[in-house]
N, C-alpha and C. Protein backbone atom coordinates (compact mmCIF):
# COMPACT_ATOMS: atom_id res chain seq x y z
N UNK A 1 33.14 0.62 -50.80
CA UNK A 1 33.57 -0.55 -51.01
C UNK A 1 35.44 -0.14 -50.56
N UNK A 2 35.52 0.69 -50.38
CA UNK A 2 36.96 1.12 -49.76
C UNK A 2 37.27 0.78 -47.98
N UNK A 3 36.07 0.30 -47.52
CA UNK A 3 36.15 0.34 -46.29
C UNK A 3 35.93 -0.98 -45.92
N UNK A 4 35.40 -1.85 -46.57
CA UNK A 4 35.47 -3.46 -46.57
C UNK A 4 36.93 -4.33 -47.25
N UNK A 5 37.88 -3.37 -47.54
CA UNK A 5 38.71 -3.95 -48.62
C UNK A 5 40.10 -4.09 -47.14
N UNK A 6 39.99 -3.20 -46.13
CA UNK A 6 40.86 -3.46 -44.90
C UNK A 6 40.47 -4.56 -44.11
N UNK A 7 38.82 -4.76 -43.72
CA UNK A 7 38.47 -6.06 -43.10
C UNK A 7 38.65 -7.32 -43.75
N UNK A 8 38.17 -7.35 -44.93
CA UNK A 8 38.64 -8.52 -45.66
C UNK A 8 40.36 -8.96 -45.66
N UNK A 9 41.08 -7.82 -45.99
CA UNK A 9 42.32 -8.55 -45.97
C UNK A 9 42.65 -8.92 -44.93
N UNK A 10 42.14 -8.07 -43.47
CA UNK A 10 42.41 -8.97 -42.06
C UNK A 10 42.21 -10.51 -41.95
N UNK A 11 41.04 -10.59 -42.50
CA UNK A 11 40.54 -11.88 -42.13
C UNK A 11 40.93 -13.09 -42.85
N UNK A 12 41.52 -12.57 -44.23
CA UNK A 12 42.67 -13.83 -45.07
C UNK A 12 44.09 -13.71 -43.82
N UNK A 13 44.58 -12.40 -44.02
CA UNK A 13 45.73 -12.88 -43.30
C UNK A 13 45.57 -13.47 -42.12
N UNK A 14 44.25 -13.01 -41.07
CA UNK A 14 44.45 -14.22 -39.74
C UNK A 14 44.22 -15.67 -40.46
N UNK A 15 43.51 -16.17 -41.05
CA UNK A 15 43.09 -17.37 -41.80
C UNK A 15 44.52 -18.25 -42.17
N UNK A 16 45.10 -17.50 -43.03
CA UNK A 16 46.37 -17.68 -43.55
C UNK A 16 47.82 -18.06 -41.98
N UNK A 17 47.30 -17.38 -41.33
CA UNK A 17 48.29 -17.18 -40.19
C UNK A 17 48.01 -18.59 -38.96
N UNK A 18 46.40 -18.62 -39.17
CA UNK A 18 45.92 -19.78 -38.61
C UNK A 18 46.33 -21.07 -39.14
N UNK A 19 46.51 -21.27 -40.45
CA UNK A 19 46.93 -22.59 -41.24
C UNK A 19 48.36 -22.74 -40.73
N UNK A 20 49.24 -21.41 -41.22
CA UNK A 20 50.56 -21.88 -40.65
C UNK A 20 50.82 -22.66 -39.42
N UNK A 21 50.04 -21.79 -38.84
CA UNK A 21 49.99 -22.04 -37.02
C UNK A 21 50.10 -23.09 -36.53
N UNK A 22 49.01 -23.81 -37.34
CA UNK A 22 48.62 -25.15 -36.82
C UNK A 22 49.15 -26.17 -37.40
N UNK A 23 49.84 -25.83 -38.48
CA UNK A 23 50.87 -27.04 -39.36
C UNK A 23 52.10 -26.61 -38.21
N UNK A 24 52.47 -25.75 -37.94
CA UNK A 24 53.70 -25.24 -36.96
C UNK A 24 53.66 -26.42 -36.00
N UNK A 25 52.29 -26.14 -35.01
CA UNK A 25 51.95 -27.28 -33.85
C UNK A 25 51.98 -28.48 -34.16
N UNK A 26 51.35 -29.00 -35.27
CA UNK A 26 51.37 -30.38 -35.70
C UNK A 26 52.84 -30.80 -35.56
N UNK A 27 53.76 -30.36 -36.96
CA UNK A 27 54.81 -30.91 -37.16
C UNK A 27 55.74 -30.79 -35.38
N UNK A 28 55.72 -29.65 -35.15
CA UNK A 28 56.66 -29.64 -33.45
C UNK A 28 55.93 -30.53 -32.58
N UNK A 29 55.09 -30.57 -32.77
CA UNK A 29 54.31 -31.77 -31.34
C UNK A 29 54.51 -33.15 -31.84
N UNK A 30 54.57 -33.55 -32.93
CA UNK A 30 54.63 -34.92 -33.71
C UNK A 30 56.22 -35.40 -33.29
N UNK A 31 56.93 -34.24 -33.89
CA UNK A 31 58.42 -34.74 -33.47
C UNK A 31 59.09 -34.25 -32.19
N UNK A 32 58.29 -33.65 -31.26
CA UNK A 32 58.42 -33.45 -29.76
C UNK A 32 58.04 -35.20 -29.18
N UNK A 33 57.08 -35.82 -29.48
CA UNK A 33 56.67 -37.17 -29.29
C UNK A 33 57.61 -37.99 -29.57
N UNK A 34 57.69 -37.80 -30.40
CA UNK A 34 58.81 -38.93 -31.34
C UNK A 34 59.87 -38.75 -30.70
N UNK A 35 60.41 -38.06 -30.43
CA UNK A 35 62.21 -37.64 -30.10
C UNK A 35 62.04 -38.19 -28.50
N UNK A 36 60.90 -37.88 -27.77
CA UNK A 36 60.77 -38.17 -26.46
C UNK A 36 60.58 -39.48 -26.23
N UNK A 37 59.99 -40.90 -27.18
CA UNK A 37 60.25 -41.97 -27.02
C UNK A 37 61.32 -42.54 -27.51
N UNK A 38 62.60 -41.74 -28.12
CA UNK A 38 63.65 -42.09 -28.33
C UNK A 38 64.87 -42.31 -27.42
N UNK A 39 65.80 -43.25 -27.30
CA UNK A 39 67.01 -43.43 -26.58
C UNK A 39 68.01 -42.63 -26.88
N UNK A 40 68.49 -41.55 -25.92
CA UNK A 40 69.47 -40.66 -26.27
C UNK A 40 70.79 -41.26 -26.86
N UNK A 41 70.77 -42.33 -26.89
CA UNK A 41 72.58 -43.07 -27.40
C UNK A 41 72.05 -43.42 -28.96
N UNK A 42 70.62 -43.65 -29.37
CA UNK A 42 70.34 -43.61 -30.52
C UNK A 42 70.79 -42.03 -31.51
N UNK A 43 70.41 -41.17 -30.82
CA UNK A 43 70.60 -39.89 -31.40
C UNK A 43 72.09 -39.74 -31.48
N UNK A 44 72.81 -40.12 -30.36
CA UNK A 44 74.15 -40.16 -30.88
C UNK A 44 75.07 -40.71 -31.92
N UNK A 45 74.37 -41.64 -31.88
CA UNK A 45 74.80 -42.66 -33.05
C UNK A 45 74.65 -42.39 -34.58
N UNK A 46 73.62 -41.38 -34.49
CA UNK A 46 73.29 -40.80 -36.28
C UNK A 46 74.09 -39.69 -36.24
N UNK A 47 74.73 -38.74 -34.94
CA UNK A 47 75.69 -38.00 -35.29
C UNK A 47 74.83 -36.33 -35.50
N UNK A 48 73.51 -36.51 -34.77
CA UNK A 48 72.87 -35.31 -34.53
C UNK A 48 73.00 -34.52 -33.66
N UNK A 49 72.39 -33.70 -33.55
CA UNK A 49 71.68 -32.91 -32.35
C UNK A 49 71.66 -33.87 -30.93
N UNK A 50 72.25 -33.76 -29.69
CA UNK A 50 71.64 -34.84 -28.56
C UNK A 50 70.27 -34.55 -28.63
N UNK A 51 69.39 -35.56 -27.79
CA UNK A 51 68.19 -35.51 -27.55
C UNK A 51 67.60 -34.36 -26.77
N UNK A 52 68.50 -33.79 -26.00
CA UNK A 52 67.83 -32.64 -24.86
C UNK A 52 67.83 -31.29 -25.98
N UNK A 53 68.78 -31.66 -26.89
CA UNK A 53 69.02 -29.97 -28.09
C UNK A 53 67.50 -30.22 -28.72
N UNK A 54 67.01 -31.81 -29.51
CA UNK A 54 66.05 -31.60 -30.39
C UNK A 54 65.08 -31.19 -29.54
N UNK A 55 64.77 -31.81 -28.17
CA UNK A 55 64.01 -31.45 -27.23
C UNK A 55 63.29 -29.94 -26.96
N UNK A 56 64.29 -29.82 -26.34
CA UNK A 56 64.63 -27.85 -26.47
C UNK A 56 64.10 -27.30 -27.74
N UNK A 57 64.58 -27.65 -28.65
CA UNK A 57 64.28 -26.50 -30.21
C UNK A 57 62.89 -26.84 -30.31
N UNK A 58 62.69 -28.50 -30.47
CA UNK A 58 60.86 -28.59 -30.64
C UNK A 58 60.42 -27.84 -30.02
N UNK A 59 60.73 -28.48 -28.64
CA UNK A 59 59.58 -27.47 -27.30
C UNK A 59 59.39 -26.29 -27.92
N UNK A 60 60.77 -25.69 -27.29
CA UNK A 60 60.59 -23.97 -27.42
C UNK A 60 59.68 -22.93 -28.29
N UNK A 61 59.99 -23.76 -29.67
CA UNK A 61 59.36 -23.60 -31.22
C UNK A 61 57.69 -23.78 -30.98
N UNK A 62 57.35 -25.09 -30.55
CA UNK A 62 55.95 -25.39 -30.41
C UNK A 62 55.22 -24.42 -29.37
N UNK A 63 55.92 -24.40 -27.97
CA UNK A 63 54.98 -23.61 -27.05
C UNK A 63 54.97 -21.98 -27.80
N UNK A 64 55.89 -21.35 -28.67
CA UNK A 64 55.86 -20.29 -29.36
C UNK A 64 54.77 -20.48 -30.28
N UNK A 65 54.61 -21.42 -31.12
CA UNK A 65 54.30 -21.86 -32.24
C UNK A 65 52.39 -21.68 -31.86
N UNK A 66 51.98 -22.05 -30.45
CA UNK A 66 51.17 -22.45 -29.50
C UNK A 66 50.22 -21.17 -29.80
N UNK A 67 50.99 -20.30 -28.57
CA UNK A 67 50.73 -18.77 -28.66
C UNK A 67 50.20 -18.10 -29.48
N UNK A 68 51.18 -18.24 -30.60
CA UNK A 68 50.83 -17.42 -31.66
C UNK A 68 49.85 -17.83 -32.29
N UNK A 69 49.51 -19.23 -32.27
CA UNK A 69 48.11 -19.71 -32.52
C UNK A 69 46.82 -19.66 -32.21
N UNK A 70 47.27 -19.13 -30.82
CA UNK A 70 46.15 -19.01 -29.74
C UNK A 70 45.98 -17.38 -30.01
N UNK A 71 46.66 -16.38 -30.19
CA UNK A 71 46.45 -14.95 -30.70
C UNK A 71 45.68 -14.78 -31.96
N UNK A 72 46.29 -15.41 -32.58
CA UNK A 72 46.03 -15.44 -34.22
C UNK A 72 44.13 -15.83 -33.92
N UNK A 73 43.94 -16.78 -33.48
CA UNK A 73 42.50 -17.68 -33.53
C UNK A 73 41.84 -16.37 -32.47
N UNK A 74 42.01 -15.93 -31.39
CA UNK A 74 41.38 -14.64 -30.82
C UNK A 74 40.97 -13.78 -31.92
N UNK A 75 41.98 -13.09 -32.25
CA UNK A 75 41.63 -11.95 -33.39
C UNK A 75 40.88 -12.17 -34.54
N UNK A 76 41.15 -13.38 -34.87
CA UNK A 76 40.05 -13.56 -35.74
C UNK A 76 38.64 -13.86 -35.51
N UNK A 77 38.52 -14.60 -34.44
CA UNK A 77 37.36 -14.63 -33.56
C UNK A 77 36.38 -13.39 -33.44
N UNK A 78 37.47 -12.11 -32.95
CA UNK A 78 36.60 -11.40 -32.50
C UNK A 78 37.08 -10.06 -33.83
N UNK A 79 37.60 -10.44 -34.44
CA UNK A 79 37.39 -9.52 -35.76
C UNK A 79 38.54 -8.58 -35.23
N UNK A 80 39.67 -8.53 -34.79
CA UNK A 80 40.47 -7.81 -34.06
C UNK A 80 41.64 -7.16 -35.16
N UNK A 81 42.17 -6.47 -35.01
CA UNK A 81 43.57 -5.88 -35.86
C UNK A 81 44.06 -6.66 -36.08
N UNK A 82 45.26 -6.78 -36.54
CA UNK A 82 46.50 -7.89 -36.44
C UNK A 82 46.97 -8.28 -35.76
N UNK A 83 47.07 -9.74 -35.35
CA UNK A 83 47.57 -9.98 -34.25
C UNK A 83 49.45 -10.51 -34.62
N UNK A 84 50.27 -9.46 -34.92
CA UNK A 84 51.53 -9.47 -35.52
C UNK A 84 52.25 -9.80 -34.17
N UNK A 85 52.80 -10.78 -34.07
CA UNK A 85 54.24 -10.87 -33.10
C UNK A 85 55.29 -11.75 -33.80
N UNK A 86 56.21 -10.83 -34.44
CA UNK A 86 57.23 -10.74 -35.34
C UNK A 86 57.60 -12.34 -34.70
N UNK A 87 58.40 -12.72 -33.53
CA UNK A 87 58.96 -13.97 -33.09
C UNK A 87 58.52 -15.01 -32.70
N UNK A 88 56.92 -14.76 -32.54
CA UNK A 88 55.96 -15.77 -32.76
C UNK A 88 55.73 -16.17 -34.14
N UNK A 89 55.75 -15.53 -35.23
CA UNK A 89 55.60 -15.85 -36.36
C UNK A 89 57.06 -16.68 -36.93
N UNK A 90 58.04 -16.26 -36.78
CA UNK A 90 59.35 -16.64 -36.69
C UNK A 90 59.97 -18.01 -36.02
N UNK A 91 58.94 -18.18 -34.47
CA UNK A 91 59.29 -19.27 -34.32
C UNK A 91 58.50 -20.53 -35.38
N UNK A 92 57.23 -20.04 -35.44
CA UNK A 92 56.42 -20.95 -36.31
C UNK A 92 57.15 -21.58 -37.45
N UNK A 93 57.87 -20.92 -37.92
CA UNK A 93 58.87 -21.18 -39.22
C UNK A 93 59.73 -21.71 -38.69
N UNK A 94 60.60 -21.98 -37.82
CA UNK A 94 61.63 -21.94 -37.67
C UNK A 94 61.01 -23.67 -36.98
N UNK A 95 59.65 -23.56 -36.37
CA UNK A 95 59.45 -25.16 -35.51
C UNK A 95 58.88 -25.82 -36.88
N UNK A 96 58.54 -25.14 -38.50
CA UNK A 96 58.04 -26.28 -39.24
C UNK A 96 59.39 -26.75 -39.85
N UNK A 97 60.48 -25.63 -39.67
CA UNK A 97 62.14 -26.05 -40.50
C UNK A 97 62.22 -27.46 -39.75
N UNK A 98 62.52 -27.19 -38.63
CA UNK A 98 63.04 -27.85 -37.23
C UNK A 98 62.45 -29.46 -37.23
N UNK A 99 61.28 -29.32 -36.96
CA UNK A 99 60.13 -30.49 -37.30
C UNK A 99 60.40 -31.54 -38.25
N UNK A 100 60.59 -30.55 -39.54
CA UNK A 100 60.41 -31.53 -40.95
C UNK A 100 61.74 -31.91 -41.16
N UNK A 101 62.96 -31.62 -40.72
CA UNK A 101 64.56 -32.13 -40.40
C UNK A 101 64.14 -33.32 -39.47
N UNK A 102 63.47 -33.01 -38.67
CA UNK A 102 64.02 -34.19 -37.24
C UNK A 102 63.07 -35.13 -38.25
N UNK A 103 61.89 -35.33 -38.44
CA UNK A 103 60.83 -35.81 -39.39
C UNK A 103 61.49 -36.60 -40.39
N UNK A 104 61.60 -35.88 -41.05
CA UNK A 104 62.08 -36.58 -42.30
C UNK A 104 63.57 -37.15 -42.45
N UNK A 105 64.60 -36.78 -41.58
CA UNK A 105 65.75 -37.16 -41.74
C UNK A 105 66.17 -37.79 -40.48
N UNK A 106 66.13 -37.02 -39.21
CA UNK A 106 66.43 -37.96 -38.28
C UNK A 106 65.72 -39.25 -37.82
N UNK A 107 64.29 -38.76 -37.86
CA UNK A 107 63.20 -40.01 -37.87
C UNK A 107 63.62 -41.46 -38.74
N UNK A 108 63.81 -40.61 -39.86
CA UNK A 108 63.99 -41.96 -40.95
C UNK A 108 65.92 -42.48 -40.79
N UNK A 109 66.24 -41.41 -40.29
CA UNK A 109 67.76 -42.18 -39.62
C UNK A 109 67.59 -43.45 -38.59
N UNK A 110 66.59 -42.99 -37.98
CA UNK A 110 66.47 -43.77 -36.51
C UNK A 110 65.85 -45.06 -37.30
N UNK A 111 64.97 -45.14 -37.93
CA UNK A 111 64.18 -46.25 -38.33
C UNK A 111 65.49 -47.30 -38.82
N UNK A 112 66.55 -46.43 -39.79
CA UNK A 112 67.01 -47.12 -40.77
C UNK A 112 68.23 -48.08 -39.96
N UNK A 113 68.36 -47.70 -38.51
CA UNK A 113 69.11 -48.16 -37.63
C UNK A 113 68.37 -49.40 -36.95
N UNK A 114 67.33 -49.55 -36.85
CA UNK A 114 66.67 -50.51 -36.28
C UNK A 114 65.73 -51.40 -37.14
N UNK A 115 64.87 -52.59 -37.27
CA UNK A 115 65.20 -53.47 -38.05
C UNK A 115 63.78 -52.68 -38.88
N UNK A 116 63.07 -51.58 -38.93
CA UNK A 116 62.50 -50.87 -39.43
C UNK A 116 60.71 -51.16 -39.24
N UNK A 117 60.74 -51.83 -38.29
CA UNK A 117 59.19 -52.32 -37.91
C UNK A 117 58.59 -51.33 -36.56
N UNK A 118 57.82 -51.45 -36.35
CA UNK A 118 57.06 -50.46 -35.25
C UNK A 118 56.01 -49.31 -35.67
N UNK A 119 55.73 -48.95 -34.12
CA UNK A 119 54.57 -47.73 -34.76
C UNK A 119 54.96 -46.52 -35.36
N UNK A 120 56.72 -46.14 -35.13
CA UNK A 120 56.97 -44.90 -35.87
C UNK A 120 57.37 -45.34 -36.92
């Protein structure tokens, strides 16, 4: 029984890391795609980061999240040891936070500036 506990622990850790990673990828890619479709003047009118700032923040954290999620999936698939990359995990958490701020605050502000209709 003592030998199965570490294996079980690693499987649960990898699955939780995978859920966090997939969430981070979805949020950052969604925010990046929405930001890409906006005019730079609309973001400047809101008084937030410029369009290039949002694209850089969401793009870098999205790529690091994708890398960390890939490494976690490989570690889960091959039953390897922990795939801990602290920078990748922090990028995922920063990506979730930045993406949620963009989607919940900036996107809502952009929607309020227009007529409120559209696909976004």
